[in-house]
């Protein structure tokens, strides 16, 4: 009996080890494990966001600036990162937008915001609470409709959709982002290194497909 218990313990330990190597950990996810801000460390605003983790006035202005490229805005938000217990950067940005448009933040509608502001608000929303990624999709989906050629917008939207799919189909998690990576009609407005960081992680889900 003792031998069988020992043998079973070894088998279970081996299975757990194989599972951890062969598949992404449930502690990881498309939103929390794609740290592509590392490809934008030559921007001081990105390094500042990475150090503080909290949106400030300078960052909010940067996100709303028409002169800031969309990939740097995405890198800034990615650098702000996430916490298990959640963050409030989307709320802070909404307050900023409310002041900018001279109305209560809660009354802001997508029609009032620019394409990039919608994108920023959506990405901040999912980074703040990656357990409820569906809350970000109304912003990101409209942002992608407005900017249908942007690889950056499409990929962030795909990562958010993949976050939603995480609890139902790991194969779908891979397929959602793979579809964007293969779309030759998109403008390649994200740095190659940033794309590699994203796709190297998302590729861990590929083996879940038949």
N, C-alpha and C. Protein backbone atom coordinates (compact mmCIF):
# COMPACT_ATOMS: atom_id res chain seq x y z
N UNK A 1 0.83 -1.21 0.00
CA UNK A 1 0.00 0.00 0.00
C UNK A 1 0.86 1.25 0.00
N UNK A 2 1.94 1.25 0.90
CA UNK A 2 2.81 2.42 0.97
C UNK A 2 3.49 2.67 -0.36
N UNK A 3 3.90 1.59 -1.05
CA UNK A 3 4.57 1.73 -2.34
C UNK A 3 3.65 2.37 -3.36
N UNK A 4 2.39 1.94 -3.36
CA UNK A 4 1.42 2.49 -4.31
C UNK A 4 1.18 3.98 -4.07
N UNK A 5 1.10 4.37 -2.80
CA UNK A 5 0.90 5.79 -2.47
C UNK A 5 2.09 6.61 -2.96
N UNK A 6 3.29 6.08 -2.72
CA UNK A 6 4.49 6.79 -3.16
C UNK A 6 4.52 6.90 -4.67
N UNK A 7 4.16 5.82 -5.34
CA UNK A 7 4.15 5.81 -6.80
C UNK A 7 3.14 6.81 -7.34
N UNK A 8 1.99 6.87 -6.68
CA UNK A 8 0.95 7.81 -7.10
C UNK A 8 1.41 9.25 -6.92
N UNK A 9 2.09 9.52 -5.79
CA UNK A 9 2.58 10.87 -5.51
C UNK A 9 3.58 11.31 -6.57
N UNK A 10 4.47 10.40 -6.97
CA UNK A 10 5.45 10.71 -8.01
C UNK A 10 4.75 11.00 -9.33
N UNK A 11 3.73 10.20 -9.65
CA UNK A 11 3.00 10.37 -10.90
C UNK A 11 2.28 11.71 -10.94
N UNK A 12 1.67 12.07 -9.82
CA UNK A 12 0.96 13.35 -9.76
C UNK A 12 1.93 14.51 -9.89
N UNK A 13 3.07 14.43 -9.21
CA UNK A 13 4.08 15.48 -9.28
C UNK A 13 4.60 15.65 -10.69
N UNK A 14 4.81 14.52 -11.36
CA UNK A 14 5.29 14.56 -12.73
C UNK A 14 4.25 15.19 -13.65
N UNK A 15 2.99 14.83 -13.46
CA UNK A 15 1.92 15.38 -14.30
C UNK A 15 1.79 16.88 -14.12
N UNK A 16 1.92 17.33 -12.88
CA UNK A 16 1.83 18.77 -12.61
C UNK A 16 2.99 19.50 -13.28
N UNK A 17 4.20 18.92 -13.21
CA UNK A 17 5.36 19.53 -13.83
C UNK A 17 5.18 19.63 -15.33
N UNK A 18 4.72 18.56 -15.95
CA UNK A 18 4.50 18.56 -17.40
C UNK A 18 3.47 19.60 -17.79
N UNK A 19 2.39 19.68 -17.01
CA UNK A 19 1.33 20.64 -17.31
C UNK A 19 1.85 22.07 -17.24
N UNK A 20 2.67 22.36 -16.23
CA UNK A 20 3.18 23.72 -16.05
C UNK A 20 4.14 24.11 -17.17
N UNK A 21 4.86 23.11 -17.70
CA UNK A 21 5.78 23.39 -18.79
C UNK A 21 5.04 23.50 -20.11
N UNK A 22 4.04 22.67 -20.32
CA UNK A 22 3.38 22.57 -21.62
C UNK A 22 2.32 23.62 -21.85
N UNK A 23 1.81 24.24 -20.80
CA UNK A 23 0.72 25.19 -20.98
C UNK A 23 0.91 26.40 -20.09
N UNK A 24 0.29 27.53 -20.48
CA UNK A 24 0.40 28.72 -19.65
C UNK A 24 -0.23 28.50 -18.28
N UNK A 25 0.36 29.09 -17.26
CA UNK A 25 -0.20 29.01 -15.92
C UNK A 25 -1.49 29.79 -15.84
N UNK A 26 -2.43 29.33 -15.01
CA UNK A 26 -3.70 30.06 -14.85
C UNK A 26 -3.45 31.39 -14.16
N UNK A 27 -2.25 31.56 -13.55
CA UNK A 27 -1.92 32.86 -12.97
C UNK A 27 -1.52 33.85 -14.04
N UNK A 28 -1.21 33.35 -15.23
CA UNK A 28 -0.86 34.20 -16.36
C UNK A 28 -2.10 34.45 -17.20
N UNK A 29 -2.02 35.44 -18.09
CA UNK A 29 -3.14 35.71 -18.97
C UNK A 29 -2.70 36.63 -20.09
N UNK A 30 -3.47 36.73 -21.17
CA UNK A 30 -3.11 37.60 -22.29
C UNK A 30 -2.85 39.05 -21.87
N UNK A 31 -3.63 39.57 -20.94
CA UNK A 31 -3.47 40.95 -20.52
C UNK A 31 -2.29 41.14 -19.58
N UNK A 32 -2.08 40.21 -18.67
CA UNK A 32 -1.05 40.40 -17.65
C UNK A 32 0.33 39.91 -18.06
N UNK A 33 0.43 39.15 -19.13
CA UNK A 33 1.71 38.52 -19.47
C UNK A 33 2.30 38.99 -20.79
N UNK A 34 1.74 40.03 -21.38
CA UNK A 34 2.25 40.57 -22.64
C UNK A 34 2.82 41.96 -22.37
N UNK A 35 4.01 41.98 -21.79
CA UNK A 35 4.62 43.24 -21.34
C UNK A 35 5.43 43.90 -22.46
N UNK A 36 4.72 44.35 -23.50
CA UNK A 36 5.41 44.88 -24.67
C UNK A 36 5.96 46.29 -24.47
N UNK A 37 5.68 46.90 -23.32
CA UNK A 37 6.28 48.20 -23.01
C UNK A 37 7.80 48.10 -22.95
N UNK A 38 8.32 46.88 -22.77
CA UNK A 38 9.76 46.68 -22.75
C UNK A 38 10.41 47.10 -24.07
N UNK A 39 9.64 47.12 -25.14
CA UNK A 39 10.16 47.51 -26.45
C UNK A 39 10.17 49.03 -26.64
N UNK A 40 9.70 49.76 -25.63
CA UNK A 40 9.61 51.22 -25.73
C UNK A 40 10.31 51.92 -24.57
N UNK A 41 11.40 51.33 -24.10
CA UNK A 41 12.12 51.91 -22.97
C UNK A 41 12.92 53.16 -23.34
N UNK A 42 12.97 53.50 -24.62
CA UNK A 42 13.64 54.74 -25.04
C UNK A 42 12.74 55.96 -24.86
N UNK A 43 11.51 55.76 -24.39
CA UNK A 43 10.60 56.86 -24.12
C UNK A 43 10.52 57.08 -22.61
N UNK A 44 10.83 58.29 -22.19
CA UNK A 44 10.83 58.61 -20.76
C UNK A 44 9.44 58.45 -20.15
N UNK A 45 8.40 58.79 -20.91
CA UNK A 45 7.03 58.70 -20.39
C UNK A 45 6.65 57.25 -20.09
N UNK A 46 7.18 56.35 -20.89
CA UNK A 46 6.91 54.92 -20.67
C UNK A 46 7.65 54.44 -19.42
N UNK A 47 8.89 54.85 -19.27
CA UNK A 47 9.66 54.46 -18.08
C UNK A 47 9.03 55.06 -16.82
N UNK A 48 8.52 56.29 -16.93
CA UNK A 48 7.86 56.92 -15.80
C UNK A 48 6.62 56.13 -15.39
N UNK A 49 5.83 55.73 -16.40
CA UNK A 49 4.62 54.94 -16.13
C UNK A 49 4.97 53.61 -15.49
N UNK A 50 6.03 53.00 -15.96
CA UNK A 50 6.45 51.70 -15.42
C UNK A 50 6.89 51.83 -13.97
N UNK A 51 7.52 52.94 -13.64
CA UNK A 51 8.02 53.15 -12.28
C UNK A 51 6.89 53.48 -11.31
N UNK A 52 5.94 54.33 -11.73
CA UNK A 52 4.90 54.78 -10.81
C UNK A 52 3.69 53.87 -10.78
N UNK A 53 3.30 53.34 -11.95
CA UNK A 53 2.11 52.49 -12.03
C UNK A 53 0.81 53.25 -11.89
N UNK A 54 0.89 54.57 -11.81
CA UNK A 54 -0.32 55.38 -11.61
C UNK A 54 -0.37 56.51 -12.63
N UNK A 55 -1.51 56.66 -13.27
CA UNK A 55 -1.71 57.72 -14.25
C UNK A 55 -1.64 59.09 -13.58
N UNK A 56 -0.90 60.01 -14.21
CA UNK A 56 -0.89 61.39 -13.72
C UNK A 56 -1.31 62.32 -14.85
N UNK A 57 -1.28 63.62 -14.59
CA UNK A 57 -1.76 64.59 -15.57
C UNK A 57 -0.95 64.54 -16.85
N UNK A 58 0.36 64.46 -16.73
CA UNK A 58 1.21 64.40 -17.92
C UNK A 58 0.86 63.20 -18.79
N UNK A 59 0.67 62.05 -18.16
CA UNK A 59 0.33 60.85 -18.91
C UNK A 59 -1.04 60.97 -19.57
N UNK A 60 -2.01 61.52 -18.84
CA UNK A 60 -3.36 61.69 -19.39
C UNK A 60 -3.33 62.60 -20.61
N UNK A 61 -2.57 63.68 -20.52
CA UNK A 61 -2.44 64.59 -21.65
C UNK A 61 -1.77 63.89 -22.83
N UNK A 62 -0.81 63.06 -22.52
CA UNK A 62 -0.09 62.30 -23.55
C UNK A 62 -1.04 61.36 -24.28
N UNK A 63 -1.92 60.72 -23.52
CA UNK A 63 -2.87 59.78 -24.12
C UNK A 63 -3.90 60.49 -25.00
N UNK A 64 -4.21 61.74 -24.68
CA UNK A 64 -5.22 62.49 -25.45
C UNK A 64 -4.61 63.32 -26.57
N UNK A 65 -3.29 63.43 -26.58
CA UNK A 65 -2.62 64.24 -27.60
C UNK A 65 -2.77 63.63 -28.99
N UNK A 66 -3.13 64.47 -29.94
CA UNK A 66 -3.29 64.00 -31.32
C UNK A 66 -1.93 63.72 -31.97
N UNK A 67 -0.88 64.24 -31.39
CA UNK A 67 0.45 64.08 -31.99
C UNK A 67 1.18 62.83 -31.50
N UNK A 68 0.64 62.17 -30.49
CA UNK A 68 1.29 60.98 -29.95
C UNK A 68 0.91 59.74 -30.76
N UNK A 69 1.86 58.99 -31.32
CA UNK A 69 1.53 57.77 -32.06
C UNK A 69 0.79 56.76 -31.18
N UNK A 70 -0.09 56.01 -31.79
CA UNK A 70 -0.95 55.08 -31.05
C UNK A 70 -0.15 54.00 -30.34
N UNK A 71 0.97 53.57 -30.91
CA UNK A 71 1.72 52.49 -30.27
C UNK A 71 2.40 52.96 -28.99
N UNK A 72 2.80 54.23 -28.94
CA UNK A 72 3.42 54.75 -27.72
C UNK A 72 2.36 54.91 -26.63
N UNK A 73 1.16 55.30 -27.01
CA UNK A 73 0.05 55.36 -26.05
C UNK A 73 -0.21 53.97 -25.48
N UNK A 74 -0.21 52.99 -26.35
CA UNK A 74 -0.43 51.61 -25.89
C UNK A 74 0.69 51.16 -24.96
N UNK A 75 1.93 51.52 -25.30
CA UNK A 75 3.07 51.14 -24.48
C UNK A 75 3.00 51.80 -23.11
N UNK A 76 2.56 53.06 -23.06
CA UNK A 76 2.40 53.77 -21.79
C UNK A 76 1.41 53.04 -20.89
N UNK A 77 0.27 52.68 -21.45
CA UNK A 77 -0.76 51.98 -20.68
C UNK A 77 -0.27 50.61 -20.24
N UNK A 78 0.42 49.92 -21.13
CA UNK A 78 0.98 48.62 -20.80
C UNK A 78 1.98 48.75 -19.66
N UNK A 79 2.75 49.83 -19.67
CA UNK A 79 3.75 50.07 -18.63
C UNK A 79 3.11 50.37 -17.28
N UNK A 80 1.92 50.99 -17.27
CA UNK A 80 1.21 51.24 -16.01
C UNK A 80 0.88 49.93 -15.31
N UNK A 81 0.74 48.89 -16.11
CA UNK A 81 0.59 47.52 -15.62
C UNK A 81 -0.71 47.28 -14.84
N UNK A 82 -0.70 46.25 -13.99
CA UNK A 82 -1.92 45.75 -13.35
C UNK A 82 -1.59 45.33 -11.93
N UNK A 83 -2.63 45.11 -11.17
CA UNK A 83 -2.53 44.54 -9.83
C UNK A 83 -3.65 43.54 -9.64
N UNK A 84 -3.38 42.49 -8.88
CA UNK A 84 -4.40 41.48 -8.61
C UNK A 84 -5.65 42.11 -8.01
N UNK A 85 -5.45 43.07 -7.11
CA UNK A 85 -6.58 43.71 -6.44
C UNK A 85 -7.18 44.85 -7.27
N UNK A 86 -6.60 45.14 -8.42
CA UNK A 86 -7.16 46.15 -9.31
C UNK A 86 -6.49 47.51 -9.17
N UNK A 87 -6.72 48.35 -10.18
CA UNK A 87 -6.21 49.72 -10.20
C UNK A 87 -7.34 50.68 -10.56
N UNK A 88 -7.02 51.99 -10.58
CA UNK A 88 -8.05 53.00 -10.86
C UNK A 88 -7.58 53.97 -11.94
N UNK A 89 -6.69 53.55 -12.81
CA UNK A 89 -6.18 54.45 -13.84
C UNK A 89 -7.24 54.85 -14.85
N UNK A 90 -8.15 53.94 -15.17
CA UNK A 90 -9.23 54.28 -16.09
C UNK A 90 -10.14 55.34 -15.48
N UNK A 91 -10.41 55.23 -14.20
CA UNK A 91 -11.23 56.22 -13.50
C UNK A 91 -10.54 57.58 -13.50
N UNK A 92 -9.23 57.60 -13.25
CA UNK A 92 -8.48 58.84 -13.27
C UNK A 92 -8.51 59.47 -14.67
N UNK A 93 -8.38 58.64 -15.69
CA UNK A 93 -8.41 59.16 -17.07
C UNK A 93 -9.81 59.69 -17.42
N UNK A 94 -10.82 59.01 -16.95
CA UNK A 94 -12.18 59.47 -17.20
C UNK A 94 -12.42 60.84 -16.54
N UNK A 95 -11.89 61.01 -15.33
CA UNK A 95 -11.99 62.32 -14.66
C UNK A 95 -11.30 63.40 -15.50
N UNK A 96 -10.13 63.07 -16.02
CA UNK A 96 -9.40 64.00 -16.87
C UNK A 96 -10.22 64.36 -18.11
N UNK A 97 -10.81 63.35 -18.73
CA UNK A 97 -11.63 63.60 -19.91
C UNK A 97 -12.85 64.46 -19.58
N UNK A 98 -13.44 64.22 -18.42
CA UNK A 98 -14.57 65.02 -17.99
C UNK A 98 -14.20 66.49 -17.87
N UNK A 99 -13.04 66.77 -17.30
CA UNK A 99 -12.56 68.14 -17.20
C UNK A 99 -12.26 68.72 -18.57
N UNK A 100 -11.69 67.89 -19.46
CA UNK A 100 -11.36 68.35 -20.80
C UNK A 100 -12.60 68.73 -21.61
N UNK A 101 -13.67 67.97 -21.41
CA UNK A 101 -14.90 68.21 -22.17
C UNK A 101 -15.92 69.00 -21.36
N UNK A 102 -15.50 69.44 -20.17
CA UNK A 102 -16.33 70.31 -19.32
C UNK A 102 -17.69 69.71 -19.01
N UNK A 103 -17.67 68.47 -18.55
CA UNK A 103 -18.90 67.83 -18.12
C UNK A 103 -18.57 66.68 -17.16
N UNK A 104 -19.56 66.22 -16.39
CA UNK A 104 -19.28 65.12 -15.46
C UNK A 104 -18.73 63.90 -16.18
N UNK A 105 -17.72 63.29 -15.60
CA UNK A 105 -17.08 62.14 -16.21
C UNK A 105 -18.06 61.02 -16.51
N UNK A 106 -19.04 60.82 -15.64
CA UNK A 106 -19.99 59.73 -15.81
C UNK A 106 -20.91 59.93 -17.00
N UNK A 107 -20.99 61.18 -17.50
CA UNK A 107 -21.90 61.48 -18.61
C UNK A 107 -21.22 61.41 -19.97
N UNK A 108 -19.93 61.15 -19.98
CA UNK A 108 -19.20 61.07 -21.25
C UNK A 108 -19.70 59.90 -22.09
N UNK A 109 -19.83 60.12 -23.38
CA UNK A 109 -20.25 59.06 -24.30
C UNK A 109 -19.16 58.82 -25.34
N UNK A 110 -19.12 57.64 -25.93
CA UNK A 110 -18.10 57.35 -26.95
C UNK A 110 -18.09 58.35 -28.10
N UNK A 111 -19.25 58.89 -28.46
CA UNK A 111 -19.32 59.84 -29.57
C UNK A 111 -18.54 61.11 -29.30
N UNK A 112 -18.35 61.44 -28.03
CA UNK A 112 -17.64 62.66 -27.66
C UNK A 112 -16.12 62.50 -27.68
N UNK A 113 -15.66 61.28 -27.57
CA UNK A 113 -14.23 61.03 -27.45
C UNK A 113 -13.58 60.80 -28.81
N UNK A 114 -12.30 61.14 -28.89
CA UNK A 114 -11.56 60.86 -30.10
C UNK A 114 -11.29 59.36 -30.20
N UNK A 115 -10.82 58.93 -31.36
CA UNK A 115 -10.52 57.51 -31.56
C UNK A 115 -9.49 57.02 -30.54
N UNK A 116 -8.43 57.81 -30.35
CA UNK A 116 -7.36 57.40 -29.44
C UNK A 116 -7.81 57.45 -27.98
N UNK A 117 -8.67 58.39 -27.63
CA UNK A 117 -9.18 58.45 -26.25
C UNK A 117 -10.04 57.24 -25.94
N UNK A 118 -10.83 56.82 -26.89
CA UNK A 118 -11.64 55.60 -26.72
C UNK A 118 -10.73 54.40 -26.51
N UNK A 119 -9.70 54.31 -27.35
CA UNK A 119 -8.75 53.21 -27.24
C UNK A 119 -8.07 53.21 -25.88
N UNK A 120 -7.60 54.39 -25.47
CA UNK A 120 -6.89 54.50 -24.19
C UNK A 120 -7.80 54.14 -23.02
N UNK A 121 -9.03 54.62 -23.06
CA UNK A 121 -9.97 54.32 -21.98
C UNK A 121 -10.27 52.82 -21.91
N UNK A 122 -10.40 52.20 -23.07
CA UNK A 122 -10.65 50.76 -23.11
C UNK A 122 -9.48 49.95 -22.58
N UNK A 123 -8.27 50.30 -23.02
CA UNK A 123 -7.10 49.54 -22.59
C UNK A 123 -6.83 49.75 -21.10
N UNK A 124 -7.00 50.97 -20.62
CA UNK A 124 -6.85 51.23 -19.19
C UNK A 124 -7.88 50.43 -18.38
N UNK A 125 -9.08 50.31 -18.92
CA UNK A 125 -10.15 49.60 -18.22
C UNK A 125 -9.79 48.13 -18.01
N UNK A 126 -9.28 47.48 -19.04
CA UNK A 126 -8.96 46.05 -18.90
C UNK A 126 -7.69 45.85 -18.08
N UNK A 127 -6.75 46.79 -18.16
CA UNK A 127 -5.55 46.67 -17.33
C UNK A 127 -5.89 46.88 -15.85
N UNK A 128 -6.86 47.72 -15.57
CA UNK A 128 -7.27 47.97 -14.19
C UNK A 128 -7.94 46.77 -13.55
N UNK A 129 -8.73 46.04 -14.33
CA UNK A 129 -9.46 44.89 -13.80
C UNK A 129 -9.53 43.80 -14.86
N UNK A 130 -8.47 42.99 -14.93
CA UNK A 130 -8.40 41.97 -15.96
C UNK A 130 -9.33 40.79 -15.68
N UNK A 131 -9.98 40.78 -14.52
CA UNK A 131 -10.98 39.76 -14.23
C UNK A 131 -12.32 40.07 -14.90
N UNK A 132 -12.48 41.32 -15.36
CA UNK A 132 -13.71 41.72 -16.04
C UNK A 132 -13.38 42.39 -17.37
N UNK A 133 -12.73 41.66 -18.27
CA UNK A 133 -12.30 42.24 -19.54
C UNK A 133 -13.45 42.71 -20.42
N UNK A 134 -14.62 42.13 -20.22
CA UNK A 134 -15.77 42.50 -21.03
C UNK A 134 -16.14 43.97 -20.84
N UNK A 135 -15.76 44.56 -19.72
CA UNK A 135 -16.07 45.97 -19.48
C UNK A 135 -15.31 46.90 -20.43
N UNK A 136 -14.20 46.41 -20.97
CA UNK A 136 -13.38 47.23 -21.86
C UNK A 136 -13.79 47.13 -23.32
N UNK A 137 -14.48 46.04 -23.68
CA UNK A 137 -14.79 45.80 -25.08
C UNK A 137 -15.64 46.86 -25.76
N UNK A 138 -16.63 47.46 -25.09
CA UNK A 138 -17.40 48.51 -25.77
C UNK A 138 -16.53 49.67 -26.26
N UNK A 139 -15.49 49.99 -25.53
CA UNK A 139 -14.58 51.07 -25.95
C UNK A 139 -13.65 50.59 -27.06
N UNK A 140 -13.06 49.43 -26.86
CA UNK A 140 -12.06 48.94 -27.81
C UNK A 140 -12.67 48.54 -29.15
N UNK A 141 -13.86 48.00 -29.13
CA UNK A 141 -14.49 47.60 -30.38
C UNK A 141 -14.86 48.82 -31.23
N UNK A 142 -15.34 49.87 -30.58
CA UNK A 142 -15.63 51.10 -31.32
C UNK A 142 -14.33 51.74 -31.81
N UNK A 143 -13.30 51.70 -30.98
CA UNK A 143 -12.00 52.25 -31.38
C UNK A 143 -11.47 51.52 -32.61
N UNK A 144 -11.65 50.21 -32.65
CA UNK A 144 -11.18 49.46 -33.82
C UNK A 144 -12.04 49.74 -35.05
N UNK A 145 -13.32 49.94 -34.87
CA UNK A 145 -14.18 50.31 -35.99
C UNK A 145 -13.74 51.64 -36.60
N UNK A 146 -13.30 52.54 -35.75
CA UNK A 146 -12.86 53.85 -36.22
C UNK A 146 -11.46 53.81 -36.81
N UNK A 147 -10.64 52.85 -36.34
CA UNK A 147 -9.26 52.74 -36.83
C UNK A 147 -9.02 51.31 -37.33
N UNK A 148 -9.73 50.92 -38.37
CA UNK A 148 -9.70 49.52 -38.81
C UNK A 148 -8.36 49.05 -39.38
N UNK A 149 -7.45 49.96 -39.65
CA UNK A 149 -6.16 49.58 -40.24
C UNK A 149 -5.03 49.51 -39.22
N UNK A 150 -5.30 49.86 -37.97
CA UNK A 150 -4.24 49.89 -36.97
C UNK A 150 -3.99 48.51 -36.36
N UNK A 151 -2.77 48.02 -36.51
CA UNK A 151 -2.38 46.75 -35.90
C UNK A 151 -2.43 46.87 -34.38
N UNK A 152 -1.98 48.00 -33.85
CA UNK A 152 -1.93 48.20 -32.41
C UNK A 152 -3.32 48.11 -31.79
N UNK A 153 -4.27 48.83 -32.38
CA UNK A 153 -5.64 48.81 -31.86
C UNK A 153 -6.24 47.42 -31.99
N UNK A 154 -6.03 46.79 -33.14
CA UNK A 154 -6.59 45.46 -33.37
C UNK A 154 -6.01 44.44 -32.39
N UNK A 155 -4.71 44.54 -32.12
CA UNK A 155 -4.07 43.55 -31.24
C UNK A 155 -4.50 43.74 -29.79
N UNK A 156 -4.60 44.98 -29.32
CA UNK A 156 -5.05 45.20 -27.94
C UNK A 156 -6.49 44.72 -27.78
N UNK A 157 -7.31 44.97 -28.78
CA UNK A 157 -8.70 44.48 -28.75
C UNK A 157 -8.69 42.95 -28.74
N UNK A 158 -7.82 42.35 -29.53
CA UNK A 158 -7.73 40.89 -29.59
C UNK A 158 -7.26 40.31 -28.25
N UNK A 159 -6.30 40.95 -27.62
CA UNK A 159 -5.84 40.49 -26.30
C UNK A 159 -6.96 40.54 -25.27
N UNK A 160 -7.79 41.56 -25.38
CA UNK A 160 -8.92 41.69 -24.46
C UNK A 160 -9.97 40.62 -24.74
N UNK A 161 -10.25 40.36 -26.01
CA UNK A 161 -11.17 39.28 -26.36
C UNK A 161 -10.61 37.94 -25.93
N UNK A 162 -9.30 37.77 -26.07
CA UNK A 162 -8.66 36.52 -25.64
C UNK A 162 -8.77 36.36 -24.12
N UNK A 163 -8.69 37.47 -23.41
CA UNK A 163 -8.86 37.42 -21.96
C UNK A 163 -10.25 36.93 -21.59
N UNK A 164 -11.25 37.35 -22.36
CA UNK A 164 -12.62 36.87 -22.14
C UNK A 164 -12.71 35.38 -22.43
N UNK A 165 -12.03 34.95 -23.50
CA UNK A 165 -12.10 33.54 -23.93
C UNK A 165 -11.29 32.61 -23.04
N UNK A 166 -10.47 33.17 -22.17
CA UNK A 166 -9.56 32.36 -21.36
C UNK A 166 -10.27 31.29 -20.54
N UNK A 167 -11.47 31.57 -20.08
CA UNK A 167 -12.20 30.63 -19.23
C UNK A 167 -12.99 29.59 -20.01
N UNK A 168 -13.03 29.74 -21.34
CA UNK A 168 -13.84 28.82 -22.13
C UNK A 168 -13.04 28.01 -23.14
N UNK A 169 -12.04 28.62 -23.79
CA UNK A 169 -11.31 27.90 -24.83
C UNK A 169 -9.92 28.47 -25.01
N UNK A 170 -8.90 27.71 -24.58
CA UNK A 170 -7.52 28.16 -24.77
C UNK A 170 -7.15 28.16 -26.25
N UNK A 171 -7.75 27.29 -27.03
CA UNK A 171 -7.50 27.31 -28.47
C UNK A 171 -7.99 28.63 -29.07
N UNK A 172 -9.15 29.08 -28.65
CA UNK A 172 -9.69 30.33 -29.14
C UNK A 172 -8.82 31.51 -28.72
N UNK A 173 -8.24 31.43 -27.54
CA UNK A 173 -7.32 32.46 -27.07
C UNK A 173 -6.20 32.66 -28.08
N UNK A 174 -5.65 31.54 -28.57
CA UNK A 174 -4.60 31.61 -29.59
C UNK A 174 -5.15 32.12 -30.91
N UNK A 175 -6.26 31.61 -31.35
CA UNK A 175 -6.79 31.93 -32.66
C UNK A 175 -7.13 33.42 -32.81
N UNK A 176 -7.64 34.02 -31.74
CA UNK A 176 -8.05 35.43 -31.78
C UNK A 176 -6.86 36.33 -32.11
N UNK A 177 -5.74 36.10 -31.43
CA UNK A 177 -4.57 36.94 -31.68
C UNK A 177 -3.82 36.53 -32.94
N UNK A 178 -3.81 35.25 -33.25
CA UNK A 178 -3.15 34.78 -34.47
C UNK A 178 -3.81 35.39 -35.71
N UNK A 179 -5.11 35.55 -35.66
CA UNK A 179 -5.83 36.15 -36.79
C UNK A 179 -5.35 37.57 -37.06
N UNK A 180 -5.13 38.32 -35.99
CA UNK A 180 -4.64 39.70 -36.15
C UNK A 180 -3.21 39.68 -36.69
N UNK A 181 -2.37 38.80 -36.16
CA UNK A 181 -0.97 38.76 -36.58
C UNK A 181 -0.82 38.39 -38.05
N UNK A 182 -1.80 37.68 -38.60
CA UNK A 182 -1.75 37.25 -39.99
C UNK A 182 -2.45 38.21 -40.96
N UNK A 183 -3.07 39.24 -40.43
CA UNK A 183 -3.83 40.17 -41.27
C UNK A 183 -2.89 41.14 -41.98
N UNK A 184 -2.64 40.90 -43.25
CA UNK A 184 -1.69 41.71 -44.02
C UNK A 184 -2.24 43.08 -44.39
N UNK A 185 -3.52 43.31 -44.15
CA UNK A 185 -4.12 44.61 -44.50
C UNK A 185 -3.88 45.66 -43.41
N UNK A 186 -3.42 45.22 -42.23
CA UNK A 186 -3.23 46.15 -41.12
C UNK A 186 -1.93 46.95 -41.27
N UNK A 187 -1.99 48.19 -40.84
CA UNK A 187 -0.80 49.03 -40.81
C UNK A 187 0.06 48.59 -39.63
N UNK A 188 1.31 48.30 -39.90
CA UNK A 188 2.20 47.77 -38.86
C UNK A 188 2.72 48.91 -37.98
N UNK A 189 1.85 49.41 -37.10
CA UNK A 189 2.19 50.56 -36.27
C UNK A 189 2.61 50.17 -34.86
N UNK A 190 3.07 48.93 -34.69
CA UNK A 190 3.62 48.47 -33.42
C UNK A 190 5.02 47.93 -33.70
N UNK A 191 5.96 48.25 -32.85
CA UNK A 191 7.34 47.84 -33.08
C UNK A 191 7.47 46.32 -33.18
N UNK A 192 8.34 45.85 -34.07
CA UNK A 192 8.54 44.39 -34.22
C UNK A 192 8.86 43.70 -32.91
N UNK A 193 9.69 44.29 -32.07
CA UNK A 193 10.02 43.68 -30.78
C UNK A 193 8.79 43.55 -29.90
N UNK A 194 7.91 44.56 -29.94
CA UNK A 194 6.68 44.52 -29.15
C UNK A 194 5.78 43.39 -29.65
N UNK A 195 5.69 43.25 -30.96
CA UNK A 195 4.87 42.17 -31.52
C UNK A 195 5.42 40.80 -31.11
N UNK A 196 6.74 40.68 -31.11
CA UNK A 196 7.34 39.39 -30.72
C UNK A 196 7.02 39.05 -29.27
N UNK A 197 7.08 40.06 -28.40
CA UNK A 197 6.77 39.83 -26.99
C UNK A 197 5.35 39.29 -26.83
N UNK A 198 4.43 39.89 -27.56
CA UNK A 198 3.03 39.47 -27.51
C UNK A 198 2.86 38.06 -28.06
N UNK A 199 3.38 37.85 -29.26
CA UNK A 199 3.14 36.58 -29.94
C UNK A 199 3.91 35.42 -29.32
N UNK A 200 5.07 35.70 -28.74
CA UNK A 200 5.81 34.64 -28.06
C UNK A 200 5.01 34.09 -26.88
N UNK A 201 4.35 34.98 -26.15
CA UNK A 201 3.52 34.50 -25.04
C UNK A 201 2.25 33.83 -25.56
N UNK A 202 1.56 34.46 -26.50
CA UNK A 202 0.30 33.91 -26.99
C UNK A 202 0.51 32.56 -27.67
N UNK A 203 1.69 32.33 -28.20
CA UNK A 203 1.99 31.06 -28.84
C UNK A 203 1.92 29.88 -27.89
N UNK A 204 2.00 30.15 -26.58
CA UNK A 204 1.90 29.07 -25.59
C UNK A 204 0.53 28.39 -25.63
N UNK A 205 -0.47 29.10 -26.15
CA UNK A 205 -1.82 28.55 -26.22
C UNK A 205 -2.08 27.75 -27.50
N UNK A 206 -1.15 27.81 -28.44
CA UNK A 206 -1.35 27.16 -29.74
C UNK A 206 -1.55 25.66 -29.62
N UNK A 207 -0.82 25.03 -28.70
CA UNK A 207 -0.91 23.57 -28.56
C UNK A 207 -2.27 23.12 -28.04
N UNK A 208 -3.10 24.07 -27.58
CA UNK A 208 -4.43 23.71 -27.12
C UNK A 208 -5.40 23.44 -28.27
N UNK A 209 -4.97 23.82 -29.48
CA UNK A 209 -5.83 23.59 -30.65
C UNK A 209 -5.61 22.19 -31.20
N UNK A 210 -6.67 21.59 -31.73
CA UNK A 210 -6.55 20.22 -32.29
C UNK A 210 -5.52 20.17 -33.40
